[in-house]
Amino acid sequence: MASLIGKAVASRFAREGGTVVGVDQTEHNLGDLALQADLTDEAQVEAMYAQVIDRYGRLDVIYNNMGLMDRADGSALNLDLDTWRRIQDANLTSIFLACKHGVRRLLDTEPAGGAVVNAASFLADIGAASAQMAYSAAKAGVVQLTRDLGVHLARSGVRVNAVLFGPIETPAQRAILERNPDVLTKRMVHWPMGRFGTLDEAAGAVAFLASADAGFITAAALPLDGGITQAFTVPE
C-alpha cells in the first residue's frame, strides 16, 4: 500500500472522510493506522484484519494494491521458476488471501456489505509480445478471481471489482518500460492518448468503484489505460 499509487488512493479516501488503514510489508506511516504484514503469509493476513476490527469495529472497503513487476520477468520461454513463483505470490496469492479473510469481515459488518477493489492490469486483457509474462498471467488470475467473487457475492451486499491499470506515471513503471531503449518508444505508438496516466486518475478510479456511485457494478474490470486495449494502431 505504501507505493505511490497506494499513497494516492489513501489520500483520496482520507479526503472523502474515510478512516484509512495502510498495510505494507515494510515499515511505513501511511494511514490512520499503519500496519506491517507479509500478505503472502496467511497467518499474517488474518492477524492484520483482526487488528483492524479490534481497533475500529468494522470494515467497509478493501483496496488490494499489491503488485510486483520484476526485471527478471519476460518471455515464459526464458523465465526461471523462482521468478515465476515470486511474481505469482506477490500479485495473485496476496490478493487471494486478502479477499479470503477480508470478505468475511465485510459480511460480519452490520449491515453486511462493502466493496473490494483489486489492482489488475490491462495486460490481463491482451497478448503483448514484449510483456512480462509472469506478471500478465498473475493479473489475469486477479481478474478471474474478481469476476468469480463478484458473481458469488452479488446478493450479499459485497461488491468485488478490479481496475485494469495501464501505464501510470511512477518511477518504477518507467524503469520497467525503459529497461531496453526502444521498448517505451515502441509501446507509445499504440497508446491513443500518448501519455502515462496520473496518480490522481488512478486514485479516482479506485474511489469510484469503492463508492455508492458504483453500487450497481460488480464482477467488473474497469480499464484505466487511455484506450490502449481498444486500439488496433495509432498513426503518427
C-alpha atoms as a PDB file:
ATOM      1  CA  MET A   1       0.000   0.000   0.000  1.00  0.00           C
ATOM      2  CA  ALA A   2       2.957   2.325   0.556  1.00  0.00           C
ATOM      3  CA  SER A   3       3.651   2.571  -3.193  1.00  0.00           C
ATOM      4  CA  LEU A   4       2.894   5.836  -4.961  1.00  0.00           C
ATOM      5  CA  ILE A   5      -0.452   4.531  -6.230  1.00  0.00           C
ATOM      6  CA  GLY A   6      -1.306   3.230  -2.774  1.00  0.00           C
ATOM      7  CA  LYS A   7      -0.460   6.590  -1.226  1.00  0.00           C
ATOM      8  CA  ALA A   8      -2.585   8.402  -3.802  1.00  0.00           C
ATOM      9  CA  VAL A   9      -5.563   6.135  -3.086  1.00  0.00           C
ATOM     10  CA  ALA A  10      -5.116   6.515   0.681  1.00  0.00           C
ATOM     11  CA  SER A  11      -5.032  10.306   0.327  1.00  0.00           C
ATOM     12  CA  ARG A  12      -8.187  10.281  -1.797  1.00  0.00           C
ATOM     13  CA  PHE A  13     -10.052   8.089   0.715  1.00  0.00           C
ATOM     14  CA  ALA A  14      -8.923  10.314   3.583  1.00  0.00           C
ATOM     15  CA  ARG A  15     -10.095  13.469   1.766  1.00  0.00           C
ATOM     16  CA  GLU A  16     -13.500  11.848   1.351  1.00  0.00           C
ATOM     17  CA  GLY A  17     -13.761  11.206   5.080  1.00  0.00           C
ATOM     18  CA  GLY A  18     -12.591   7.610   5.282  1.00  0.00           C
ATOM     19  CA  THR A  19     -10.541   6.080   8.073  1.00  0.00           C
ATOM     20  CA  VAL A  20      -7.558   4.575   6.289  1.00  0.00           C
ATOM     21  CA  VAL A  21      -5.562   1.554   7.396  1.00  0.00           C
ATOM     22  CA  GLY A  22      -2.357   1.162   5.404  1.00  0.00           C
ATOM     23  CA  VAL A  23      -0.658  -2.227   5.168  1.00  0.00           C
ATOM     24  CA  ASP A  24       2.743  -2.888   3.662  1.00  0.00           C
ATOM     25  CA  GLN A  25       5.474  -5.482   4.003  1.00  0.00           C
ATOM     26  CA  THR A  26       7.955  -2.820   5.066  1.00  0.00           C
ATOM     27  CA  GLU A  27       7.691  -0.240   7.824  1.00  0.00           C
ATOM     28  CA  HIS A  28       5.691   2.849   6.813  1.00  0.00           C
ATOM     29  CA  ASN A  29       3.461   5.599   8.190  1.00  0.00           C
ATOM     30  CA  LEU A  30       0.571   5.521   5.734  1.00  0.00           C
ATOM     31  CA  GLY A  31      -2.965   5.960   7.034  1.00  0.00           C
ATOM     32  CA  ASP A  32      -4.658   6.483  10.371  1.00  0.00           C
ATOM     33  CA  LEU A  33      -3.312   3.065  11.346  1.00  0.00           C
ATOM     34  CA  ALA A  34      -0.102   1.785   9.727  1.00  0.00           C
ATOM     35  CA  LEU A  35       0.342  -1.991   9.834  1.00  0.00           C
ATOM     36  CA  GLN A  36       3.207  -4.146   8.641  1.00  0.00           C
ATOM     37  CA  ALA A  37       2.437  -7.596   7.209  1.00  0.00           C
ATOM     38  CA  ASP A  38       3.534 -10.036   4.533  1.00  0.00           C
ATOM     39  CA  LEU A  39       0.308 -10.513   2.588  1.00  0.00           C
ATOM     40  CA  THR A  40       1.515 -13.797   1.099  1.00  0.00           C
ATOM     41  CA  ASP A  41       1.513 -15.263   4.645  1.00  0.00           C
ATOM     42  CA  GLU A  42      -1.990 -16.398   5.633  1.00  0.00           C
ATOM     43  CA  ALA A  43      -1.427 -16.082   9.371  1.00  0.00           C
ATOM     44  CA  GLN A  44      -0.219 -12.507   8.974  1.00  0.00           C
ATOM     45  CA  VAL A  45      -3.217 -11.625   6.815  1.00  0.00           C
ATOM     46  CA  GLU A  46      -5.618 -12.985   9.431  1.00  0.00           C
ATOM     47  CA  ALA A  47      -3.794 -11.112  12.199  1.00  0.00           C
ATOM     48  CA  MET A  48      -3.873  -7.879  10.194  1.00  0.00           C
ATOM     49  CA  TYR A  49      -7.659  -7.973   9.785  1.00  0.00           C
ATOM     50  CA  ALA A  50      -8.082  -8.861  13.466  1.00  0.00           C
ATOM     51  CA  GLN A  51      -6.145  -5.717  14.400  1.00  0.00           C
ATOM     52  CA  VAL A  52      -8.375  -3.578  12.197  1.00  0.00           C
ATOM     53  CA  ILE A  53     -11.584  -4.951  13.715  1.00  0.00           C
ATOM     54  CA  ASP A  54     -10.210  -4.692  17.254  1.00  0.00           C
ATOM     55  CA  ARG A  55      -9.334  -1.050  16.625  1.00  0.00           C
ATOM     56  CA  TYR A  56     -12.341   0.164  14.628  1.00  0.00           C
ATOM     57  CA  GLY A  57     -15.022  -2.490  14.987  1.00  0.00           C
ATOM     58  CA  ARG A  58     -15.894  -2.636  11.300  1.00  0.00           C
ATOM     59  CA  LEU A  59     -14.574  -2.835   7.750  1.00  0.00           C
ATOM     60  CA  ASP A  60     -16.228  -1.281   4.699  1.00  0.00           C
ATOM     61  CA  VAL A  61     -13.730  -1.153   1.822  1.00  0.00           C
ATOM     62  CA  ILE A  62     -10.751  -3.301   0.870  1.00  0.00           C
ATOM     63  CA  TYR A  63      -8.355  -1.996  -1.748  1.00  0.00           C
ATOM     64  CA  ASN A  64      -5.828  -4.632  -2.762  1.00  0.00           C
ATOM     65  CA  ASN A  65      -2.985  -2.634  -4.252  1.00  0.00           C
ATOM     66  CA  MET A  66      -0.486  -5.489  -4.336  1.00  0.00           C
ATOM     67  CA  GLY A  67       1.715  -5.679  -7.389  1.00  0.00           C
ATOM     68  CA  LEU A  68       5.262  -6.587  -8.330  1.00  0.00           C
ATOM     69  CA  MET A  69       6.933  -6.016 -11.676  1.00  0.00           C
ATOM     70  CA  ASP A  70      10.296  -7.753 -11.784  1.00  0.00           C
ATOM     71  CA  ARG A  71      13.165  -7.017 -14.161  1.00  0.00           C
ATOM     72  CA  ALA A  72      13.777 -10.767 -14.385  1.00  0.00           C
ATOM     73  CA  ASP A  73      10.295 -11.294 -15.850  1.00  0.00           C
ATOM     74  CA  GLY A  74       9.929 -11.664 -19.600  1.00  0.00           C
ATOM     75  CA  SER A  75       9.228 -14.468 -22.033  1.00  0.00           C
ATOM     76  CA  ALA A  76       7.905 -17.677 -20.485  1.00  0.00           C
ATOM     77  CA  LEU A  77      10.469 -19.499 -22.629  1.00  0.00           C
ATOM     78  CA  ASN A  78      13.317 -17.997 -20.624  1.00  0.00           C
ATOM     79  CA  LEU A  79      11.713 -17.448 -17.213  1.00  0.00           C
ATOM     80  CA  ASP A  80      13.126 -19.277 -14.205  1.00  0.00           C
ATOM     81  CA  LEU A  81      10.725 -20.990 -11.823  1.00  0.00           C
ATOM     82  CA  ASP A  82      11.726 -18.973  -8.751  1.00  0.00           C
ATOM     83  CA  THR A  83      10.878 -15.729 -10.540  1.00  0.00           C
ATOM     84  CA  TRP A  84       7.552 -17.155 -11.715  1.00  0.00           C
ATOM     85  CA  ARG A  85       6.586 -18.219  -8.191  1.00  0.00           C
ATOM     86  CA  ARG A  86       7.702 -14.931  -6.632  1.00  0.00           C
ATOM     87  CA  ILE A  87       5.593 -12.930  -9.076  1.00  0.00           C
ATOM     88  CA  GLN A  88       2.536 -15.177  -8.697  1.00  0.00           C
ATOM     89  CA  ASP A  89       2.723 -14.912  -4.906  1.00  0.00           C
ATOM     90  CA  ALA A  90       3.148 -11.130  -4.925  1.00  0.00           C
ATOM     91  CA  ASN A  91       0.432 -10.398  -7.487  1.00  0.00           C
ATOM     92  CA  LEU A  92      -2.152 -13.176  -7.104  1.00  0.00           C
ATOM     93  CA  THR A  93      -1.710 -15.182  -3.896  1.00  0.00           C
ATOM     94  CA  SER A  94      -1.637 -11.990  -1.825  1.00  0.00           C
ATOM     95  CA  ILE A  95      -4.938 -10.799  -3.295  1.00  0.00           C
ATOM     96  CA  PHE A  96      -6.498 -14.239  -2.853  1.00  0.00           C
ATOM     97  CA  LEU A  97      -5.615 -14.212   0.848  1.00  0.00           C
ATOM     98  CA  ALA A  98      -6.733 -10.610   1.320  1.00  0.00           C
ATOM     99  CA  CYS A  99     -10.094 -11.447  -0.246  1.00  0.00           C
ATOM    100  CA  LYS A 100     -10.466 -14.780   1.560  1.00  0.00           C
ATOM    101  CA  HIS A 101     -10.115 -13.239   5.010  1.00  0.00           C
ATOM    102  CA  GLY A 102     -11.279  -9.700   4.267  1.00  0.00           C
ATOM    103  CA  VAL A 103     -14.637 -10.548   2.695  1.00  0.00           C
ATOM    104  CA  ARG A 104     -15.550 -12.441   5.877  1.00  0.00           C
ATOM    105  CA  ARG A 105     -15.094  -9.185   7.783  1.00  0.00           C
ATOM    106  CA  LEU A 106     -17.267  -7.279   5.319  1.00  0.00           C
ATOM    107  CA  LEU A 107     -20.001  -9.859   5.758  1.00  0.00           C
ATOM    108  CA  ASP A 108     -19.717  -9.563   9.549  1.00  0.00           C
ATOM    109  CA  THR A 109     -20.145  -5.777   9.444  1.00  0.00           C
ATOM    110  CA  GLU A 110     -23.629  -4.520  10.351  1.00  0.00           C
ATOM    111  CA  PRO A 111     -25.259  -4.157   7.903  1.00  0.00           C
ATOM    112  CA  ALA A 112     -23.315  -6.698   5.863  1.00  0.00           C
ATOM    113  CA  GLY A 113     -21.710  -5.380   2.720  1.00  0.00           C
ATOM    114  CA  GLY A 114     -18.947  -3.253   1.327  1.00  0.00           C
ATOM    115  CA  ALA A 115     -16.599  -3.037  -1.611  1.00  0.00           C
ATOM    116  CA  VAL A 116     -13.446  -4.828  -2.685  1.00  0.00           C
ATOM    117  CA  VAL A 117     -11.274  -3.244  -5.372  1.00  0.00           C
ATOM    118  CA  ASN A 118      -8.404  -5.310  -6.759  1.00  0.00           C
ATOM    119  CA  ALA A 119      -5.438  -3.926  -8.676  1.00  0.00           C
ATOM    120  CA  ALA A 120      -5.076  -5.716 -12.005  1.00  0.00           C
ATOM    121  CA  SER A 121      -3.563  -4.697 -15.337  1.00  0.00           C
ATOM    122  CA  PHE A 122      -4.607  -4.049 -18.909  1.00  0.00           C
ATOM    123  CA  LEU A 123      -2.075  -6.768 -19.772  1.00  0.00           C
ATOM    124  CA  ALA A 124      -4.602  -9.293 -18.464  1.00  0.00           C
ATOM    125  CA  ASP A 125      -6.796  -8.467 -21.468  1.00  0.00           C
ATOM    126  CA  ILE A 126      -4.306  -8.592 -24.330  1.00  0.00           C
ATOM    127  CA  GLY A 127      -1.386 -10.528 -25.701  1.00  0.00           C
ATOM    128  CA  ALA A 128       1.739  -8.383 -25.759  1.00  0.00           C
ATOM    129  CA  ALA A 129       4.923  -9.517 -27.476  1.00  0.00           C
ATOM    130  CA  SER A 130       7.121  -7.526 -25.083  1.00  0.00           C
ATOM    131  CA  ALA A 131       5.054  -8.168 -21.944  1.00  0.00           C
ATOM    132  CA  GLN A 132       6.258  -9.536 -18.632  1.00  0.00           C
ATOM    133  CA  MET A 133       4.526 -12.901 -18.941  1.00  0.00           C
ATOM    134  CA  ALA A 134       4.504 -13.993 -15.291  1.00  0.00           C
ATOM    135  CA  TYR A 135       3.063 -10.627 -14.292  1.00  0.00           C
ATOM    136  CA  SER A 136       0.427 -10.729 -17.033  1.00  0.00           C
ATOM    137  CA  ALA A 137      -0.629 -14.257 -16.074  1.00  0.00           C
ATOM    138  CA  ALA A 138      -0.928 -13.294 -12.411  1.00  0.00           C
ATOM    139  CA  LYS A 139      -3.023 -10.226 -13.188  1.00  0.00           C
ATOM    140  CA  ALA A 140      -5.280 -12.305 -15.452  1.00  0.00           C
ATOM    141  CA  GLY A 141      -5.785 -14.532 -12.426  1.00  0.00           C
ATOM    142  CA  VAL A 142      -6.749 -11.473 -10.375  1.00  0.00           C
ATOM    143  CA  VAL A 143      -9.363 -10.529 -12.976  1.00  0.00           C
ATOM    144  CA  GLN A 144     -10.888 -14.016 -12.952  1.00  0.00           C
ATOM    145  CA  LEU A 145     -10.867 -14.156  -9.139  1.00  0.00           C
ATOM    146  CA  THR A 146     -12.586 -10.758  -9.107  1.00  0.00           C
ATOM    147  CA  ARG A 147     -15.191 -11.924 -11.601  1.00  0.00           C
ATOM    148  CA  ASP A 148     -15.950 -15.122  -9.700  1.00  0.00           C
ATOM    149  CA  LEU A 149     -16.149 -13.447  -6.296  1.00  0.00           C
ATOM    150  CA  GLY A 150     -18.268 -10.617  -7.658  1.00  0.00           C
ATOM    151  CA  VAL A 151     -20.843 -13.051  -9.004  1.00  0.00           C
ATOM    152  CA  HIS A 152     -20.654 -15.333  -5.953  1.00  0.00           C
ATOM    153  CA  LEU A 153     -21.250 -12.429  -3.548  1.00  0.00           C
ATOM    154  CA  ALA A 154     -23.648 -10.379  -5.673  1.00  0.00           C
ATOM    155  CA  ARG A 155     -26.645 -10.820  -3.360  1.00  0.00           C
ATOM    156  CA  SER A 156     -24.657 -10.430  -0.145  1.00  0.00           C
ATOM    157  CA  GLY A 157     -24.112  -6.678  -0.363  1.00  0.00           C
ATOM    158  CA  VAL A 158     -20.399  -7.112  -1.088  1.00  0.00           C
ATOM    159  CA  ARG A 159     -19.238  -5.845  -4.478  1.00  0.00           C
ATOM    160  CA  VAL A 160     -15.934  -7.013  -5.978  1.00  0.00           C
ATOM    161  CA  ASN A 161     -14.337  -5.174  -8.892  1.00  0.00           C
ATOM    162  CA  ALA A 162     -10.904  -4.658 -10.414  1.00  0.00           C
ATOM    163  CA  VAL A 163      -9.036  -1.802 -12.044  1.00  0.00           C
ATOM    164  CA  LEU A 164      -7.100  -2.717 -15.184  1.00  0.00           C
ATOM    165  CA  PHE A 165      -4.255  -0.286 -14.724  1.00  0.00           C
ATOM    166  CA  GLY A 166      -2.455   0.895 -17.804  1.00  0.00           C
ATOM    167  CA  PRO A 167       0.861   2.748 -17.563  1.00  0.00           C
ATOM    168  CA  ILE A 168       0.698   5.108 -14.575  1.00  0.00           C
ATOM    169  CA  GLU A 169       3.403   7.738 -14.195  1.00  0.00           C
ATOM    170  CA  THR A 170       5.707   6.429 -11.472  1.00  0.00           C
ATOM    171  CA  PRO A 171       9.494   5.949 -11.432  1.00  0.00           C
ATOM    172  CA  ALA A 172       9.048   2.178 -11.080  1.00  0.00           C
ATOM    173  CA  GLN A 173       6.757   1.976 -14.117  1.00  0.00           C
ATOM    174  CA  ARG A 174       9.161   3.987 -16.233  1.00  0.00           C
ATOM    175  CA  ALA A 175      12.124   1.888 -15.097  1.00  0.00           C
ATOM    176  CA  ILE A 176      10.428  -1.321 -16.259  1.00  0.00           C
ATOM    177  CA  LEU A 177       9.418   0.139 -19.633  1.00  0.00           C
ATOM    178  CA  GLU A 178      12.787   1.766 -20.222  1.00  0.00           C
ATOM    179  CA  ARG A 179      14.952  -1.263 -19.410  1.00  0.00           C
ATOM    180  CA  ASN A 180      15.537  -1.570 -23.161  1.00  0.00           C
ATOM    181  CA  PRO A 181      15.948   1.744 -25.020  1.00  0.00           C
ATOM    182  CA  ASP A 182      13.306   1.063 -27.661  1.00  0.00           C
ATOM    183  CA  VAL A 183      10.593  -0.628 -25.558  1.00  0.00           C
ATOM    184  CA  LEU A 184       8.828   2.542 -24.435  1.00  0.00           C
ATOM    185  CA  THR A 185       9.063   4.106 -27.899  1.00  0.00           C
ATOM    186  CA  LYS A 186       7.515   1.018 -29.495  1.00  0.00           C
ATOM    187  CA  ARG A 187       4.713   0.843 -26.960  1.00  0.00           C
ATOM    188  CA  MET A 188       3.782   4.510 -27.064  1.00  0.00           C
ATOM    189  CA  VAL A 189       2.945   4.210 -30.761  1.00  0.00           C
ATOM    190  CA  HIS A 190      -0.064   2.164 -29.608  1.00  0.00           C
ATOM    191  CA  TRP A 191      -1.134   4.460 -26.741  1.00  0.00           C
ATOM    192  CA  PRO A 192      -4.063   6.519 -28.104  1.00  0.00           C
ATOM    193  CA  MET A 193      -3.611   9.287 -25.530  1.00  0.00           C
ATOM    194  CA  GLY A 194       0.143   9.241 -25.969  1.00  0.00           C
ATOM    195  CA  ARG A 195       0.886   9.651 -22.264  1.00  0.00           C
ATOM    196  CA  PHE A 196       1.051   7.940 -18.883  1.00  0.00           C
ATOM    197  CA  GLY A 197      -1.960   8.091 -16.593  1.00  0.00           C
ATOM    198  CA  THR A 198      -1.663  10.225 -13.473  1.00  0.00           C
ATOM    199  CA  LEU A 199      -1.765   9.195  -9.832  1.00  0.00           C
ATOM    200  CA  ASP A 200      -4.893  11.307  -9.355  1.00  0.00           C
ATOM    201  CA  GLU A 201      -6.609   9.416 -12.172  1.00  0.00           C
ATOM    202  CA  ALA A 202      -5.624   6.100 -10.605  1.00  0.00           C
ATOM    203  CA  ALA A 203      -6.961   7.133  -7.198  1.00  0.00           C
ATOM    204  CA  GLY A 204     -10.160   8.442  -8.753  1.00  0.00           C
ATOM    205  CA  ALA A 205     -10.925   5.134 -10.460  1.00  0.00           C
ATOM    206  CA  VAL A 206     -10.446   3.196  -7.226  1.00  0.00           C
ATOM    207  CA  ALA A 207     -12.529   5.684  -5.243  1.00  0.00           C
ATOM    208  CA  PHE A 208     -15.352   5.421  -7.773  1.00  0.00           C
ATOM    209  CA  LEU A 209     -15.525   1.623  -7.574  1.00  0.00           C
ATOM    210  CA  ALA A 210     -15.454   1.799  -3.769  1.00  0.00           C
ATOM    211  CA  SER A 211     -18.258   4.364  -3.642  1.00  0.00           C
ATOM    212  CA  ALA A 212     -22.044   4.160  -3.679  1.00  0.00           C
ATOM    213  CA  ASP A 213     -21.911   5.670  -7.175  1.00  0.00           C
ATOM    214  CA  ALA A 214     -20.764   2.222  -8.344  1.00  0.00           C
ATOM    215  CA  GLY A 215     -23.480   0.448  -6.370  1.00  0.00           C
ATOM    216  CA  PHE A 216     -24.770  -1.495  -9.397  1.00  0.00           C
ATOM    217  CA  ILE A 217     -21.301  -2.534 -10.573  1.00  0.00           C
ATOM    218  CA  THR A 218     -19.772  -5.824  -9.520  1.00  0.00           C
ATOM    219  CA  ALA A 219     -17.628  -8.574 -11.072  1.00  0.00           C
ATOM    220  CA  ALA A 220     -16.273  -5.930 -13.456  1.00  0.00           C
ATOM    221  CA  ALA A 221     -12.797  -4.923 -14.580  1.00  0.00           C
ATOM    222  CA  LEU A 222     -12.569  -1.184 -15.249  1.00  0.00           C
ATOM    223  CA  PRO A 223      -9.990  -0.267 -17.927  1.00  0.00           C
ATOM    224  CA  LEU A 224      -7.762   2.628 -16.881  1.00  0.00           C
ATOM    225  CA  ASP A 225      -5.448   2.592 -19.872  1.00  0.00           C
ATOM    226  CA  GLY A 226      -6.167   5.619 -22.048  1.00  0.00           C
ATOM    227  CA  GLY A 227      -7.775   3.405 -24.698  1.00  0.00           C
ATOM    228  CA  ILE A 228      -4.769   1.109 -25.216  1.00  0.00           C
ATOM    229  CA  THR A 229      -6.734  -2.144 -25.241  1.00  0.00           C
ATOM    230  CA  GLN A 230      -9.245  -0.743 -27.746  1.00  0.00           C
ATOM    231  CA  ALA A 231      -6.704   0.499 -30.277  1.00  0.00           C
ATOM    232  CA  PHE A 232      -5.511  -1.588 -33.210  1.00  0.00           C
ATOM    233  CA  THR A 233      -2.888   1.017 -34.046  1.00  0.00           C
ATOM    234  CA  VAL A 234      -2.407   4.737 -33.675  1.00  0.00           C
ATOM    235  CA  PRO A 235      -0.981   6.628 -36.660  1.00  0.00           C
ATOM    236  CA  GLU A 236       1.520   9.429 -36.303  1.00  0.00           C
END
